[in-house]
Amino acid sequence: MAITNSIYAKATVSITELRRNPGQVIEEAGDAAVAILNHNRPAAYLVPASVYEQLLDLLEDAELAELARSRRSEATIKVALDEL
């Protein structure tokens, strides 16, 4: 049985090359993710801080949306704006 590993990045770099010059890898990546390969298989992804922060925001939004969906069937309580 052959195991295939999808790579979810347009750029790849070996762990060895990343060790040699991490600054260059980060600089060349720009705003894109880089797949870090170990024995030609993805071992990790290097993502820019801004992309990671966006992912965290999306995960938080998804969690809040799920919470809102789960509470739809609960009883509602009317509150006047002046009471808040």
C-alpha atoms as a PDB file:
ATOM      1  CA  MET A   1       0.000   0.000   0.000  1.00  0.00           C
ATOM      2  CA  ALA A   2       1.477   3.320  -1.043  1.00  0.00           C
ATOM      3  CA  ILE A   3       1.079   6.276   1.278  1.00  0.00           C
ATOM      4  CA  THR A   4       0.641   9.603  -0.421  1.00  0.00           C
ATOM      5  CA  ASN A   5       0.971  12.908   1.335  1.00  0.00           C
ATOM      6  CA  SER A   6      -0.706  15.959  -0.123  1.00  0.00           C
ATOM      7  CA  ILE A   7       1.242  19.177   0.082  1.00  0.00           C
ATOM      8  CA  TYR A   8      -0.852  22.239   0.841  1.00  0.00           C
ATOM      9  CA  ALA A   9       1.676  24.885  -0.157  1.00  0.00           C
ATOM     10  CA  LYS A  10       3.064  26.191  -3.420  1.00  0.00           C
ATOM     11  CA  ALA A  11       6.626  26.178  -2.056  1.00  0.00           C
ATOM     12  CA  THR A  12       8.577  23.436  -0.325  1.00  0.00           C
ATOM     13  CA  VAL A  13      11.913  23.268   1.446  1.00  0.00           C
ATOM     14  CA  SER A  14      13.794  20.462   3.142  1.00  0.00           C
ATOM     15  CA  ILE A  15      14.455  20.560   6.868  1.00  0.00           C
ATOM     16  CA  THR A  16      18.173  20.641   6.039  1.00  0.00           C
ATOM     17  CA  GLU A  17      17.803  23.754   3.904  1.00  0.00           C
ATOM     18  CA  LEU A  18      15.621  25.410   6.527  1.00  0.00           C
ATOM     19  CA  ARG A  19      18.359  24.794   9.112  1.00  0.00           C
ATOM     20  CA  ARG A  20      21.004  26.245   6.799  1.00  0.00           C
ATOM     21  CA  ASN A  21      19.267  29.529   6.148  1.00  0.00           C
ATOM     22  CA  PRO A  22      15.923  30.052   7.910  1.00  0.00           C
ATOM     23  CA  GLY A  23      15.937  33.802   7.261  1.00  0.00           C
ATOM     24  CA  GLN A  24      16.191  33.314   3.512  1.00  0.00           C
ATOM     25  CA  VAL A  25      13.380  30.742   3.510  1.00  0.00           C
ATOM     26  CA  ILE A  26      11.131  33.147   5.412  1.00  0.00           C
ATOM     27  CA  GLU A  27      12.074  36.064   3.167  1.00  0.00           C
ATOM     28  CA  GLU A  28      11.483  34.135  -0.047  1.00  0.00           C
ATOM     29  CA  ALA A  29       8.146  32.805   1.221  1.00  0.00           C
ATOM     30  CA  GLY A  30       6.718  36.295   1.582  1.00  0.00           C
ATOM     31  CA  ASP A  31       3.037  35.961   2.466  1.00  0.00           C
ATOM     32  CA  ALA A  32       2.801  32.309   1.433  1.00  0.00           C
ATOM     33  CA  ALA A  33       3.035  29.085   3.394  1.00  0.00           C
ATOM     34  CA  VAL A  34       6.005  26.775   2.882  1.00  0.00           C
ATOM     35  CA  ALA A  35       5.841  23.014   3.342  1.00  0.00           C
ATOM     36  CA  ILE A  36       8.817  21.720   5.324  1.00  0.00           C
ATOM     37  CA  LEU A  37       9.777  18.298   4.003  1.00  0.00           C
ATOM     38  CA  ASN A  38      11.422  15.462   5.867  1.00  0.00           C
ATOM     39  CA  HIS A  39      12.403  12.585   3.567  1.00  0.00           C
ATOM     40  CA  ASN A  40      10.246  14.182   0.833  1.00  0.00           C
ATOM     41  CA  ARG A  41       7.127  14.123   3.009  1.00  0.00           C
ATOM     42  CA  PRO A  42       5.512  17.176   4.610  1.00  0.00           C
ATOM     43  CA  ALA A  43       6.567  17.353   8.247  1.00  0.00           C
ATOM     44  CA  ALA A  44       5.368  20.878   9.033  1.00  0.00           C
ATOM     45  CA  TYR A  45       4.223  24.107   7.478  1.00  0.00           C
ATOM     46  CA  LEU A  46       5.869  27.466   7.928  1.00  0.00           C
ATOM     47  CA  VAL A  47       3.245  30.198   7.732  1.00  0.00           C
ATOM     48  CA  PRO A  48       3.651  33.951   8.104  1.00  0.00           C
ATOM     49  CA  ALA A  49       2.469  35.382  11.423  1.00  0.00           C
ATOM     50  CA  SER A  50      -0.342  37.308   9.712  1.00  0.00           C
ATOM     51  CA  VAL A  51      -1.699  34.117   8.122  1.00  0.00           C
ATOM     52  CA  TYR A  52      -1.518  32.239  11.429  1.00  0.00           C
ATOM     53  CA  GLU A  53      -3.393  35.068  13.173  1.00  0.00           C
ATOM     54  CA  GLN A  54      -6.086  34.970  10.467  1.00  0.00           C
ATOM     55  CA  LEU A  55      -6.432  31.207  10.940  1.00  0.00           C
ATOM     56  CA  LEU A  56      -6.896  31.665  14.682  1.00  0.00           C
ATOM     57  CA  ASP A  57      -9.551  34.325  14.048  1.00  0.00           C
ATOM     58  CA  LEU A  58     -11.373  31.988  11.641  1.00  0.00           C
ATOM     59  CA  LEU A  59     -11.291  29.151  14.171  1.00  0.00           C
ATOM     60  CA  GLU A  60     -12.656  31.428  16.877  1.00  0.00           C
ATOM     61  CA  ASP A  61     -15.419  32.630  14.519  1.00  0.00           C
ATOM     62  CA  ALA A  62     -16.322  29.017  13.692  1.00  0.00           C
ATOM     63  CA  GLU A  63     -16.497  28.118  17.399  1.00  0.00           C
ATOM     64  CA  LEU A  64     -18.717  31.119  18.132  1.00  0.00           C
ATOM     65  CA  ALA A  65     -20.976  30.284  15.183  1.00  0.00           C
ATOM     66  CA  GLU A  66     -21.339  26.721  16.437  1.00  0.00           C
ATOM     67  CA  LEU A  67     -22.174  28.010  19.929  1.00  0.00           C
ATOM     68  CA  ALA A  68     -24.821  30.339  18.463  1.00  0.00           C
ATOM     69  CA  ARG A  69     -26.309  27.470  16.407  1.00  0.00           C
ATOM     70  CA  SER A  70     -26.449  25.223  19.468  1.00  0.00           C
ATOM     71  CA  ARG A  71     -28.320  27.903  21.437  1.00  0.00           C
ATOM     72  CA  ARG A  72     -30.993  28.597  18.799  1.00  0.00           C
ATOM     73  CA  SER A  73     -33.486  26.261  20.409  1.00  0.00           C
ATOM     74  CA  GLU A  74     -33.047  27.711  23.911  1.00  0.00           C
ATOM     75  CA  ALA A  75     -35.663  29.967  25.416  1.00  0.00           C
ATOM     76  CA  THR A  76     -35.140  33.650  24.756  1.00  0.00           C
ATOM     77  CA  ILE A  77     -35.270  36.427  27.304  1.00  0.00           C
ATOM     78  CA  LYS A  78     -36.421  39.883  26.265  1.00  0.00           C
ATOM     79  CA  VAL A  79     -34.309  42.698  27.654  1.00  0.00           C
ATOM     80  CA  ALA A  80     -34.763  46.420  27.170  1.00  0.00           C
ATOM     81  CA  LEU A  81     -31.692  48.363  26.053  1.00  0.00           C
ATOM     82  CA  ASP A  82     -32.022  50.552  29.145  1.00  0.00           C
ATOM     83  CA  GLU A  83     -31.540  47.464  31.316  1.00  0.00           C
ATOM     84  CA  LEU A  84     -28.144  46.671  29.843  1.00  0.00           C
END
